[in-house]
Amino acid sequence: MPGNRKTVTEEVVRKVAELSRLRLPDGELSLWADQLGRIVSYIDQIAQIPEAASLRPAPSPATPVRPDEARPGNGAEALERNAARRFEGFGVVPRVVGGGE
């Protein structure tokens, strides 16, 4: 990892903690400075990636399109096969909202 850890000093951590309204014990400032420095280092590594090397997915092949042609749906016969109950040519479904029948 390239080292930008020294740019994150205990004073920087103290200021970030103050802005974030966090209380950090003075004994932990060096630990937080090291951890925040590593994060900054990773960000620096990402910034060094050329834009041409962006990780865009390869375009997927187009979805095949079928012709939009009318065809018989056999609605009445499908209703006869699939509806548990029928009333006056319509399929009857159970009531799902409210109470009672």
PDB file of N, CA and C in Angstrom:
ATOM      1  N   MET A   1       0.826  -1.187   0.000  1.00  0.00           N
ATOM      2  CA  MET A   1       0.000   0.000   0.000  1.00  0.00           C
ATOM      3  C   MET A   1       0.866   1.244   0.000  1.00  0.00           C
ATOM      4  N   PRO A   2       0.578   2.183  -0.903  1.00  0.00           N
ATOM      5  CA  PRO A   2       1.311   3.430  -0.856  1.00  0.00           C
ATOM      6  C   PRO A   2       1.004   4.127   0.451  1.00  0.00           C
ATOM      7  N   GLY A   3       1.992   4.819   0.996  1.00  0.00           N
ATOM      8  CA  GLY A   3       1.821   5.367   2.333  1.00  0.00           C
ATOM      9  C   GLY A   3       1.366   6.802   2.386  1.00  0.00           C
ATOM     10  N   ASN A   4       0.099   7.006   2.652  1.00  0.00           N
ATOM     11  CA  ASN A   4      -0.413   8.321   2.985  1.00  0.00           C
ATOM     12  C   ASN A   4      -0.842   8.338   4.436  1.00  0.00           C
ATOM     13  N   ARG A   5      -0.381   7.365   5.186  1.00  0.00           N
ATOM     14  CA  ARG A   5      -0.797   7.247   6.578  1.00  0.00           C
ATOM     15  C   ARG A   5      -0.337   8.455   7.395  1.00  0.00           C
ATOM     16  N   LYS A   6       0.787   9.037   7.051  1.00  0.00           N
ATOM     17  CA  LYS A   6       1.302  10.153   7.833  1.00  0.00           C
ATOM     18  C   LYS A   6       0.507  11.432   7.596  1.00  0.00           C
ATOM     19  N   THR A   7      -0.314  11.469   6.529  1.00  0.00           N
ATOM     20  CA  THR A   7      -1.142  12.657   6.335  1.00  0.00           C
ATOM     21  C   THR A   7      -2.312  12.663   7.300  1.00  0.00           C
ATOM     22  N   VAL A   8      -2.640  11.501   7.864  1.00  0.00           N
ATOM     23  CA  VAL A   8      -3.694  11.438   8.870  1.00  0.00           C
ATOM     24  C   VAL A   8      -3.014  11.397  10.225  1.00  0.00           C
ATOM     25  N   THR A   9      -2.939  12.547  10.824  1.00  0.00           N
ATOM     26  CA  THR A   9      -2.283  12.666  12.130  1.00  0.00           C
ATOM     27  C   THR A   9      -3.328  12.563  13.237  1.00  0.00           C
ATOM     28  N   GLU A  10      -2.837  12.485  14.450  1.00  0.00           N
ATOM     29  CA  GLU A  10      -3.743  12.452  15.595  1.00  0.00           C
ATOM     30  C   GLU A  10      -4.575  13.731  15.652  1.00  0.00           C
ATOM     31  N   GLU A  11      -4.002  14.840  15.213  1.00  0.00           N
ATOM     32  CA  GLU A  11      -4.741  16.105  15.194  1.00  0.00           C
ATOM     33  C   GLU A  11      -5.895  16.044  14.193  1.00  0.00           C
ATOM     34  N   VAL A  12      -5.659  15.412  13.039  1.00  0.00           N
ATOM     35  CA  VAL A  12      -6.726  15.245  12.044  1.00  0.00           C
ATOM     36  C   VAL A  12      -7.841  14.383  12.632  1.00  0.00           C
ATOM     37  N   VAL A  13      -7.492  13.291  13.294  1.00  0.00           N
ATOM     38  CA  VAL A  13      -8.477  12.418  13.921  1.00  0.00           C
ATOM     39  C   VAL A  13      -9.245  13.183  14.994  1.00  0.00           C
ATOM     40  N   ARG A  14      -8.558  13.968  15.756  1.00  0.00           N
ATOM     41  CA  ARG A  14      -9.199  14.773  16.792  1.00  0.00           C
ATOM     42  C   ARG A  14     -10.233  15.719  16.175  1.00  0.00           C
ATOM     43  N   LYS A  15      -9.876  16.351  15.045  1.00  0.00           N
ATOM     44  CA  LYS A  15     -10.777  17.289  14.376  1.00  0.00           C
ATOM     45  C   LYS A  15     -11.984  16.558  13.781  1.00  0.00           C
ATOM     46  N   VAL A  16     -11.752  15.397  13.139  1.00  0.00           N
ATOM     47  CA  VAL A  16     -12.853  14.618  12.575  1.00  0.00           C
ATOM     48  C   VAL A  16     -13.798  14.160  13.689  1.00  0.00           C
ATOM     49  N   ALA A  17     -13.234  13.712  14.791  1.00  0.00           N
ATOM     50  CA  ALA A  17     -14.059  13.277  15.922  1.00  0.00           C
ATOM     51  C   ALA A  17     -14.886  14.444  16.455  1.00  0.00           C
ATOM     52  N   GLU A  18     -14.281  15.607  16.528  1.00  0.00           N
ATOM     53  CA  GLU A  18     -14.999  16.799  17.008  1.00  0.00           C
ATOM     54  C   GLU A  18     -16.150  17.143  16.061  1.00  0.00           C
ATOM     55  N   LEU A  19     -15.887  17.128  14.757  1.00  0.00           N
ATOM     56  CA  LEU A  19     -16.931  17.428  13.776  1.00  0.00           C
ATOM     57  C   LEU A  19     -18.053  16.383  13.805  1.00  0.00           C
ATOM     58  N   SER A  20     -17.674  15.146  14.119  1.00  0.00           N
ATOM     59  CA  SER A  20     -18.648  14.053  14.168  1.00  0.00           C
ATOM     60  C   SER A  20     -19.322  13.939  15.534  1.00  0.00           C
ATOM     61  N   ARG A  21     -18.886  14.789  16.454  1.00  0.00           N
ATOM     62  CA  ARG A  21     -19.395  14.785  17.829  1.00  0.00           C
ATOM     63  C   ARG A  21     -19.157  13.433  18.504  1.00  0.00           C
ATOM     64  N   LEU A  22     -17.950  12.904  18.280  1.00  0.00           N
ATOM     65  CA  LEU A  22     -17.525  11.655  18.907  1.00  0.00           C
ATOM     66  C   LEU A  22     -16.493  11.963  19.972  1.00  0.00           C
ATOM     67  N   ARG A  23     -16.508  11.161  21.022  1.00  0.00           N
ATOM     68  CA  ARG A  23     -15.488  11.298  22.068  1.00  0.00           C
ATOM     69  C   ARG A  23     -14.524  10.129  21.925  1.00  0.00           C
ATOM     70  N   LEU A  24     -13.259  10.441  21.698  1.00  0.00           N
ATOM     71  CA  LEU A  24     -12.232   9.405  21.590  1.00  0.00           C
ATOM     72  C   LEU A  24     -11.221   9.604  22.701  1.00  0.00           C
ATOM     73  N   PRO A  25     -10.881   8.529  23.410  1.00  0.00           N
ATOM     74  CA  PRO A  25      -9.830   8.649  24.426  1.00  0.00           C
ATOM     75  C   PRO A  25      -8.493   8.987  23.750  1.00  0.00           C
ATOM     76  N   ASP A  26      -7.694   9.834  24.378  1.00  0.00           N
ATOM     77  CA  ASP A  26      -6.400  10.221  23.812  1.00  0.00           C
ATOM     78  C   ASP A  26      -5.513   9.012  23.534  1.00  0.00           C
ATOM     79  N   GLY A  27      -5.652   7.961  24.315  1.00  0.00           N
ATOM     80  CA  GLY A  27      -4.846   6.766  24.119  1.00  0.00           C
ATOM     81  C   GLY A  27      -5.172   6.017  22.836  1.00  0.00           C
ATOM     82  N   GLU A  28      -6.353   6.275  22.233  1.00  0.00           N
ATOM     83  CA  GLU A  28      -6.752   5.575  21.014  1.00  0.00           C
ATOM     84  C   GLU A  28      -6.525   6.411  19.756  1.00  0.00           C
ATOM     85  N   LEU A  29      -6.061   7.632  19.883  1.00  0.00           N
ATOM     86  CA  LEU A  29      -5.899   8.499  18.714  1.00  0.00           C
ATOM     87  C   LEU A  29      -4.936   7.929  17.690  1.00  0.00           C
ATOM     88  N   SER A  30      -3.832   7.337  18.140  1.00  0.00           N
ATOM     89  CA  SER A  30      -2.876   6.787  17.179  1.00  0.00           C
ATOM     90  C   SER A  30      -3.473   5.598  16.431  1.00  0.00           C
ATOM     91  N   LEU A  31      -4.268   4.778  17.125  1.00  0.00           N
ATOM     92  CA  LEU A  31      -4.940   3.649  16.481  1.00  0.00           C
ATOM     93  C   LEU A  31      -5.900   4.158  15.398  1.00  0.00           C
ATOM     94  N   TRP A  32      -6.700   5.153  15.719  1.00  0.00           N
ATOM     95  CA  TRP A  32      -7.647   5.719  14.759  1.00  0.00           C
ATOM     96  C   TRP A  32      -6.922   6.412  13.610  1.00  0.00           C
ATOM     97  N   ALA A  33      -5.821   7.061  13.889  1.00  0.00           N
ATOM     98  CA  ALA A  33      -5.043   7.715  12.832  1.00  0.00           C
ATOM     99  C   ALA A  33      -4.507   6.681  11.856  1.00  0.00           C
ATOM    100  N   ASP A  34      -4.048   5.544  12.370  1.00  0.00           N
ATOM    101  CA  ASP A  34      -3.546   4.484  11.499  1.00  0.00           C
ATOM    102  C   ASP A  34      -4.670   3.911  10.638  1.00  0.00           C
ATOM    103  N   GLN A  35      -5.812   3.634  11.252  1.00  0.00           N
ATOM    104  CA  GLN A  35      -6.934   3.062  10.504  1.00  0.00           C
ATOM    105  C   GLN A  35      -7.461   4.035   9.449  1.00  0.00           C
ATOM    106  N   LEU A  36      -7.611   5.288   9.806  1.00  0.00           N
ATOM    107  CA  LEU A  36      -8.084   6.283   8.845  1.00  0.00           C
ATOM    108  C   LEU A  36      -7.047   6.488   7.743  1.00  0.00           C
ATOM    109  N   GLY A  37      -5.770   6.407   8.091  1.00  0.00           N
ATOM    110  CA  GLY A  37      -4.710   6.503   7.090  1.00  0.00           C
ATOM    111  C   GLY A  37      -4.765   5.373   6.086  1.00  0.00           C
ATOM    112  N   ARG A  38      -5.096   4.159   6.558  1.00  0.00           N
ATOM    113  CA  ARG A  38      -5.227   3.030   5.635  1.00  0.00           C
ATOM    114  C   ARG A  38      -6.403   3.236   4.685  1.00  0.00           C
ATOM    115  N   ILE A  39      -7.484   3.784   5.197  1.00  0.00           N
ATOM    116  CA  ILE A  39      -8.655   4.064   4.337  1.00  0.00           C
ATOM    117  C   ILE A  39      -8.275   5.072   3.266  1.00  0.00           C
ATOM    118  N   VAL A  40      -7.591   6.130   3.659  1.00  0.00           N
ATOM    119  CA  VAL A  40      -7.156   7.144   2.690  1.00  0.00           C
ATOM    120  C   VAL A  40      -6.215   6.520   1.666  1.00  0.00           C
ATOM    121  N   SER A  41      -5.368   5.608   2.104  1.00  0.00           N
ATOM    122  CA  SER A  41      -4.451   4.927   1.196  1.00  0.00           C
ATOM    123  C   SER A  41      -5.210   4.117   0.156  1.00  0.00           C
ATOM    124  N   TYR A  42      -6.247   3.417   0.581  1.00  0.00           N
ATOM    125  CA  TYR A  42      -7.058   2.652  -0.371  1.00  0.00           C
ATOM    126  C   TYR A  42      -7.738   3.581  -1.369  1.00  0.00           C
ATOM    127  N   ILE A  43      -8.235   4.697  -0.895  1.00  0.00           N
ATOM    128  CA  ILE A  43      -8.871   5.663  -1.795  1.00  0.00           C
ATOM    129  C   ILE A  43      -7.857   6.179  -2.807  1.00  0.00           C
ATOM    130  N   ASP A  44      -6.634   6.436  -2.367  1.00  0.00           N
ATOM    131  CA  ASP A  44      -5.583   6.871  -3.285  1.00  0.00           C
ATOM    132  C   ASP A  44      -5.306   5.809  -4.352  1.00  0.00           C
ATOM    133  N   GLN A  45      -5.338   4.535  -3.964  1.00  0.00           N
ATOM    134  CA  GLN A  45      -5.118   3.463  -4.937  1.00  0.00           C
ATOM    135  C   GLN A  45      -6.230   3.448  -5.981  1.00  0.00           C
ATOM    136  N   ILE A  46      -7.450   3.650  -5.546  1.00  0.00           N
ATOM    137  CA  ILE A  46      -8.575   3.673  -6.487  1.00  0.00           C
ATOM    138  C   ILE A  46      -8.434   4.854  -7.435  1.00  0.00           C
ATOM    139  N   ALA A  47      -7.992   5.986  -6.942  1.00  0.00           N
ATOM    140  CA  ALA A  47      -7.842   7.177  -7.778  1.00  0.00           C
ATOM    141  C   ALA A  47      -6.787   6.980  -8.860  1.00  0.00           C
ATOM    142  N   GLN A  48      -5.867   6.036  -8.668  1.00  0.00           N
ATOM    143  CA  GLN A  48      -4.813   5.807  -9.649  1.00  0.00           C
ATOM    144  C   GLN A  48      -5.249   4.907 -10.807  1.00  0.00           C
ATOM    145  N   ILE A  49      -6.445   4.326 -10.726  1.00  0.00           N
ATOM    146  CA  ILE A  49      -6.940   3.476 -11.809  1.00  0.00           C
ATOM    147  C   ILE A  49      -7.333   4.368 -12.977  1.00  0.00           C
ATOM    148  N   PRO A  50      -6.802   4.098 -14.172  1.00  0.00           N
ATOM    149  CA  PRO A  50      -7.175   4.923 -15.328  1.00  0.00           C
ATOM    150  C   PRO A  50      -8.665   4.794 -15.630  1.00  0.00           C
ATOM    151  N   GLU A  51      -9.245   5.881 -16.097  1.00  0.00           N
ATOM    152  CA  GLU A  51     -10.675   5.864 -16.407  1.00  0.00           C
ATOM    153  C   GLU A  51     -10.999   4.864 -17.504  1.00  0.00           C
ATOM    154  N   ALA A  52     -10.067   4.652 -18.429  1.00  0.00           N
ATOM    155  CA  ALA A  52     -10.314   3.706 -19.523  1.00  0.00           C
ATOM    156  C   ALA A  52     -10.471   2.289 -18.998  1.00  0.00           C
ATOM    157  N   ALA A  53      -9.967   2.024 -17.807  1.00  0.00           N
ATOM    158  CA  ALA A  53     -10.042   0.682 -17.241  1.00  0.00           C
ATOM    159  C   ALA A  53     -11.276   0.520 -16.363  1.00  0.00           C
ATOM    160  N   SER A  54     -12.294   1.326 -16.606  1.00  0.00           N
ATOM    161  CA  SER A  54     -13.492   1.229 -15.775  1.00  0.00           C
ATOM    162  C   SER A  54     -14.111  -0.158 -15.929  1.00  0.00           C
ATOM    163  N   LEU A  55     -14.792  -0.571 -14.930  1.00  0.00           N
ATOM    164  CA  LEU A  55     -15.292  -1.934 -14.878  1.00  0.00           C
ATOM    165  C   LEU A  55     -16.738  -2.011 -15.364  1.00  0.00           C
ATOM    166  N   ARG A  56     -16.990  -1.523 -16.540  1.00  0.00           N
ATOM    167  CA  ARG A  56     -18.339  -1.599 -17.093  1.00  0.00           C
ATOM    168  C   ARG A  56     -18.585  -3.008 -17.607  1.00  0.00           C
ATOM    169  N   PRO A  57     -19.762  -3.550 -17.325  1.00  0.00           N
ATOM    170  CA  PRO A  57     -20.041  -4.897 -17.822  1.00  0.00           C
ATOM    171  C   PRO A  57     -20.189  -4.875 -19.339  1.00  0.00           C
ATOM    172  N   ALA A  58     -19.836  -5.985 -19.941  1.00  0.00           N
ATOM    173  CA  ALA A  58     -19.984  -6.108 -21.395  1.00  0.00           C
ATOM    174  C   ALA A  58     -21.464  -6.043 -21.738  1.00  0.00           C
ATOM    175  N   PRO A  59     -21.799  -5.398 -22.828  1.00  0.00           N
ATOM    176  CA  PRO A  59     -23.217  -5.320 -23.174  1.00  0.00           C
ATOM    177  C   PRO A  59     -23.779  -6.709 -23.445  1.00  0.00           C
ATOM    178  N   SER A  60     -24.973  -6.951 -22.925  1.00  0.00           N
ATOM    179  CA  SER A  60     -25.593  -8.259 -23.140  1.00  0.00           C
ATOM    180  C   SER A  60     -26.290  -8.262 -24.491  1.00  0.00           C
ATOM    181  N   PRO A  61     -26.442  -9.434 -25.066  1.00  0.00           N
ATOM    182  CA  PRO A  61     -27.124  -9.485 -26.361  1.00  0.00           C
ATOM    183  C   PRO A  61     -28.568  -9.023 -26.208  1.00  0.00           C
ATOM    184  N   ALA A  62     -29.093  -8.462 -27.259  1.00  0.00           N
ATOM    185  CA  ALA A  62     -30.463  -7.959 -27.227  1.00  0.00           C
ATOM    186  C   ALA A  62     -31.442  -9.101 -26.996  1.00  0.00           C
ATOM    187  N   THR A  63     -32.518  -8.785 -26.310  1.00  0.00           N
ATOM    188  CA  THR A  63     -33.562  -9.770 -26.076  1.00  0.00           C
ATOM    189  C   THR A  63     -34.250 -10.077 -27.403  1.00  0.00           C
ATOM    190  N   PRO A  64     -34.363 -11.341 -27.738  1.00  0.00           N
ATOM    191  CA  PRO A  64     -35.031 -11.651 -29.002  1.00  0.00           C
ATOM    192  C   PRO A  64     -36.491 -11.188 -28.942  1.00  0.00           C
ATOM    193  N   VAL A  65     -36.956 -10.635 -30.025  1.00  0.00           N
ATOM    194  CA  VAL A  65     -38.311 -10.102 -30.084  1.00  0.00           C
ATOM    195  C   VAL A  65     -39.140 -10.998 -30.995  1.00  0.00           C
ATOM    196  N   ARG A  66     -40.288 -11.411 -30.487  1.00  0.00           N
ATOM    197  CA  ARG A  66     -41.175 -12.205 -31.326  1.00  0.00           C
ATOM    198  C   ARG A  66     -42.155 -11.261 -32.012  1.00  0.00           C
ATOM    199  N   PRO A  67     -42.693 -11.657 -33.131  1.00  0.00           N
ATOM    200  CA  PRO A  67     -43.658 -10.790 -33.806  1.00  0.00           C
ATOM    201  C   PRO A  67     -44.912 -10.607 -32.959  1.00  0.00           C
ATOM    202  N   ASP A  68     -45.465  -9.418 -32.993  1.00  0.00           N
ATOM    203  CA  ASP A  68     -46.667  -9.114 -32.243  1.00  0.00           C
ATOM    204  C   ASP A  68     -47.871  -9.435 -33.112  1.00  0.00           C
ATOM    205  N   GLU A  69     -48.277 -10.688 -33.063  1.00  0.00           N
ATOM    206  CA  GLU A  69     -49.367 -11.156 -33.901  1.00  0.00           C
ATOM    207  C   GLU A  69     -50.479 -11.693 -33.009  1.00  0.00           C
ATOM    208  N   ALA A  70     -51.698 -11.392 -33.409  1.00  0.00           N
ATOM    209  CA  ALA A  70     -52.842 -11.912 -32.664  1.00  0.00           C
ATOM    210  C   ALA A  70     -52.927 -13.415 -32.858  1.00  0.00           C
ATOM    211  N   ARG A  71     -53.277 -14.112 -31.805  1.00  0.00           N
ATOM    212  CA  ARG A  71     -53.494 -15.546 -31.898  1.00  0.00           C
ATOM    213  C   ARG A  71     -54.619 -15.927 -30.942  1.00  0.00           C
ATOM    214  N   PRO A  72     -55.286 -16.982 -31.217  1.00  0.00           N
ATOM    215  CA  PRO A  72     -56.432 -17.336 -30.377  1.00  0.00           C
ATOM    216  C   PRO A  72     -55.991 -17.685 -28.959  1.00  0.00           C
ATOM    217  N   GLY A  73     -56.696 -17.144 -27.982  1.00  0.00           N
ATOM    218  CA  GLY A  73     -56.374 -17.418 -26.588  1.00  0.00           C
ATOM    219  C   GLY A  73     -57.258 -18.478 -25.973  1.00  0.00           C
ATOM    220  N   ASN A  74     -58.343 -18.811 -26.670  1.00  0.00           N
ATOM    221  CA  ASN A  74     -59.262 -19.826 -26.166  1.00  0.00           C
ATOM    222  C   ASN A  74     -59.692 -19.521 -24.738  1.00  0.00           C
ATOM    223  N   GLY A  75     -60.099 -18.252 -24.505  1.00  0.00           N
ATOM    224  CA  GLY A  75     -60.424 -17.779 -23.164  1.00  0.00           C
ATOM    225  C   GLY A  75     -61.489 -18.588 -22.465  1.00  0.00           C
ATOM    226  N   ALA A  76     -62.575 -18.871 -23.120  1.00  0.00           N
ATOM    227  CA  ALA A  76     -63.667 -19.601 -22.473  1.00  0.00           C
ATOM    228  C   ALA A  76     -63.229 -21.012 -22.103  1.00  0.00           C
ATOM    229  N   GLU A  77     -62.500 -21.658 -22.997  1.00  0.00           N
ATOM    230  CA  GLU A  77     -62.040 -23.018 -22.703  1.00  0.00           C
ATOM    231  C   GLU A  77     -61.000 -23.016 -21.579  1.00  0.00           C
ATOM    232  N   ALA A  78     -60.122 -22.019 -21.569  1.00  0.00           N
ATOM    233  CA  ALA A  78     -59.127 -21.925 -20.501  1.00  0.00           C
ATOM    234  C   ALA A  78     -59.813 -21.680 -19.164  1.00  0.00           C
ATOM    235  N   LEU A  79     -60.863 -20.856 -19.153  1.00  0.00           N
ATOM    236  CA  LEU A  79     -61.615 -20.606 -17.927  1.00  0.00           C
ATOM    237  C   LEU A  79     -62.276 -21.893 -17.442  1.00  0.00           C
ATOM    238  N   GLU A  80     -62.848 -22.642 -18.346  1.00  0.00           N
ATOM    239  CA  GLU A  80     -63.480 -23.919 -17.985  1.00  0.00           C
ATOM    240  C   GLU A  80     -62.472 -24.855 -17.322  1.00  0.00           C
ATOM    241  N   ARG A  81     -61.237 -24.887 -17.866  1.00  0.00           N
ATOM    242  CA  ARG A  81     -60.209 -25.794 -17.333  1.00  0.00           C
ATOM    243  C   ARG A  81     -59.640 -25.310 -16.000  1.00  0.00           C
ATOM    244  N   ASN A  82     -59.552 -23.997 -15.792  1.00  0.00           N
ATOM    245  CA  ASN A  82     -58.786 -23.480 -14.662  1.00  0.00           C
ATOM    246  C   ASN A  82     -59.606 -22.906 -13.515  1.00  0.00           C
ATOM    247  N   ALA A  83     -60.816 -22.451 -13.740  1.00  0.00           N
ATOM    248  CA  ALA A  83     -61.595 -21.838 -12.671  1.00  0.00           C
ATOM    249  C   ALA A  83     -62.252 -22.917 -11.824  1.00  0.00           C
ATOM    250  N   ALA A  84     -62.065 -22.821 -10.510  1.00  0.00           N
ATOM    251  CA  ALA A  84     -62.677 -23.802  -9.619  1.00  0.00           C
ATOM    252  C   ALA A  84     -64.201 -23.662  -9.639  1.00  0.00           C
ATOM    253  N   ARG A  85     -64.693 -22.395  -9.704  1.00  0.00           N
ATOM    254  CA  ARG A  85     -66.135 -22.139  -9.768  1.00  0.00           C
ATOM    255  C   ARG A  85     -66.403 -21.101 -10.848  1.00  0.00           C
ATOM    256  N   ARG A  86     -67.572 -21.222 -11.444  1.00  0.00           N
ATOM    257  CA  ARG A  86     -67.986 -20.249 -12.461  1.00  0.00           C
ATOM    258  C   ARG A  86     -69.406 -19.794 -12.158  1.00  0.00           C
ATOM    259  N   PHE A  87     -69.703 -18.548 -12.536  1.00  0.00           N
ATOM    260  CA  PHE A  87     -71.047 -18.013 -12.371  1.00  0.00           C
ATOM    261  C   PHE A  87     -71.347 -17.124 -13.563  1.00  0.00           C
ATOM    262  N   GLU A  88     -72.351 -17.467 -14.331  1.00  0.00           N
ATOM    263  CA  GLU A  88     -72.786 -16.724 -15.507  1.00  0.00           C
ATOM    264  C   GLU A  88     -71.633 -16.439 -16.475  1.00  0.00           C
ATOM    265  N   GLY A  89     -70.785 -17.430 -16.689  1.00  0.00           N
ATOM    266  CA  GLY A  89     -69.704 -17.310 -17.656  1.00  0.00           C
ATOM    267  C   GLY A  89     -68.431 -16.674 -17.121  1.00  0.00           C
ATOM    268  N   PHE A  90     -68.417 -16.319 -15.832  1.00  0.00           N
ATOM    269  CA  PHE A  90     -67.238 -15.696 -15.229  1.00  0.00           C
ATOM    270  C   PHE A  90     -66.643 -16.628 -14.178  1.00  0.00           C
ATOM    271  N   GLY A  91     -65.342 -16.506 -13.957  1.00  0.00           N
ATOM    272  CA  GLY A  91     -64.688 -17.272 -12.903  1.00  0.00           C
ATOM    273  C   GLY A  91     -64.947 -16.592 -11.564  1.00  0.00           C
ATOM    274  N   VAL A  92     -65.203 -17.381 -10.524  1.00  0.00           N
ATOM    275  CA  VAL A  92     -65.468 -16.862  -9.178  1.00  0.00           C
ATOM    276  C   VAL A  92     -64.214 -17.065  -8.340  1.00  0.00           C
ATOM    277  N   VAL A  93     -63.795 -15.999  -7.677  1.00  0.00           N
ATOM    278  CA  VAL A  93     -62.628 -16.079  -6.803  1.00  0.00           C
ATOM    279  C   VAL A  93     -63.053 -15.726  -5.390  1.00  0.00           C
ATOM    280  N   PRO A  94     -62.328 -16.218  -4.383  1.00  0.00           N
ATOM    281  CA  PRO A  94     -62.710 -15.895  -3.001  1.00  0.00           C
ATOM    282  C   PRO A  94     -62.435 -14.410  -2.706  1.00  0.00           C
ATOM    283  N   ARG A  95     -63.276 -13.853  -1.837  1.00  0.00           N
ATOM    284  CA  ARG A  95     -63.110 -12.463  -1.415  1.00  0.00           C
ATOM    285  C   ARG A  95     -61.863 -12.366  -0.552  1.00  0.00           C
ATOM    286  N   VAL A  96     -61.004 -11.382  -0.826  1.00  0.00           N
ATOM    287  CA  VAL A  96     -59.761 -11.234  -0.067  1.00  0.00           C
ATOM    288  C   VAL A  96     -59.715  -9.929   0.711  1.00  0.00           C
ATOM    289  N   VAL A  97     -60.680  -9.033   0.504  1.00  0.00           N
ATOM    290  CA  VAL A  97     -60.709  -7.747   1.214  1.00  0.00           C
ATOM    291  C   VAL A  97     -61.998  -7.680   1.998  1.00  0.00           C
ATOM    292  N   GLY A  98     -61.932  -7.208   3.227  1.00  0.00           N
ATOM    293  CA  GLY A  98     -63.134  -7.058   4.019  1.00  0.00           C
ATOM    294  C   GLY A  98     -63.551  -8.388   4.621  1.00  0.00           C
ATOM    295  N   GLY A  99     -64.725  -8.418   5.181  1.00  0.00           N
ATOM    296  CA  GLY A  99     -65.197  -9.630   5.824  1.00  0.00           C
ATOM    297  C   GLY A  99     -66.481 -10.132   5.194  1.00  0.00           C
ATOM    298  N   GLY A 100     -66.818 -11.326   5.515  1.00  0.00           N
ATOM    299  CA  GLY A 100     -68.068 -11.897   5.028  1.00  0.00           C
ATOM    300  C   GLY A 100     -68.001 -12.340   3.592  1.00  0.00           C
ATOM    301  N   GLU A 101     -69.147 -12.781   3.105  1.00  0.00           N
ATOM    302  CA  GLU A 101     -69.248 -13.286   1.714  1.00  0.00           C
ATOM    303  C   GLU A 101     -69.868 -12.274   0.816  1.00  0.00           C
TER     304      GLU A 101
END
